[in-house]
C-alpha cells in the first residue's frame, strides 16, 4: 500500500505507551486505541502551542470529523509516537494530520481531524480567530490559511 508522503515537516511528537489491554486477540494494537493515541497527542500539541497550559475551555475548537487510514499493524512491543501538525485553516475550521509511527519511522496509520471553532460560553460555532491563524502559522513555520 502506498503511504502518502507528508507535504510538510512535523514539529510536534508525542511518544505513547502501549498497554496490555490495548492489543486484540491477534496481538495487534486495537483500532480504537489509535484514536486514543491521536487524542492524547492533540492535547499535548495544544498544550505546547498554548504555552504549557491546557484548558479545554480556552481551546476554542472541537472535533467535527476524524478519518484514519491504517497501513501496518502495531504490536505491544513497538515503540510508537504520534506526529501532529495543523495542515490548513479555513474560516471556521482547521485540519490536523497525525501519523502514528514506530521507532523505524514505519507509518502505522494516518489520521486527519477537522476541528471547528467553538465558543464554550455560548455553545455556538464561531470563526477561527485571526490571532490563532497567525500563531498556528508561526508555530508550524508555514502559512496555513486557505
Foldseek 3Di string as FASTA:
>chain_A
DDDDDDPADFPFKFWDAADPVQADPVQFGDPVVVVVQVVVSVQVVVCVLVPNDGDPQPPQKDWDDKDKDFDATDGNPFGKMKGKAWQAFEFFKTKMKIFIATPVRHTGMIMITIIGGANPVVRDTGTDDPVCQVSRCVVRVHRHYD
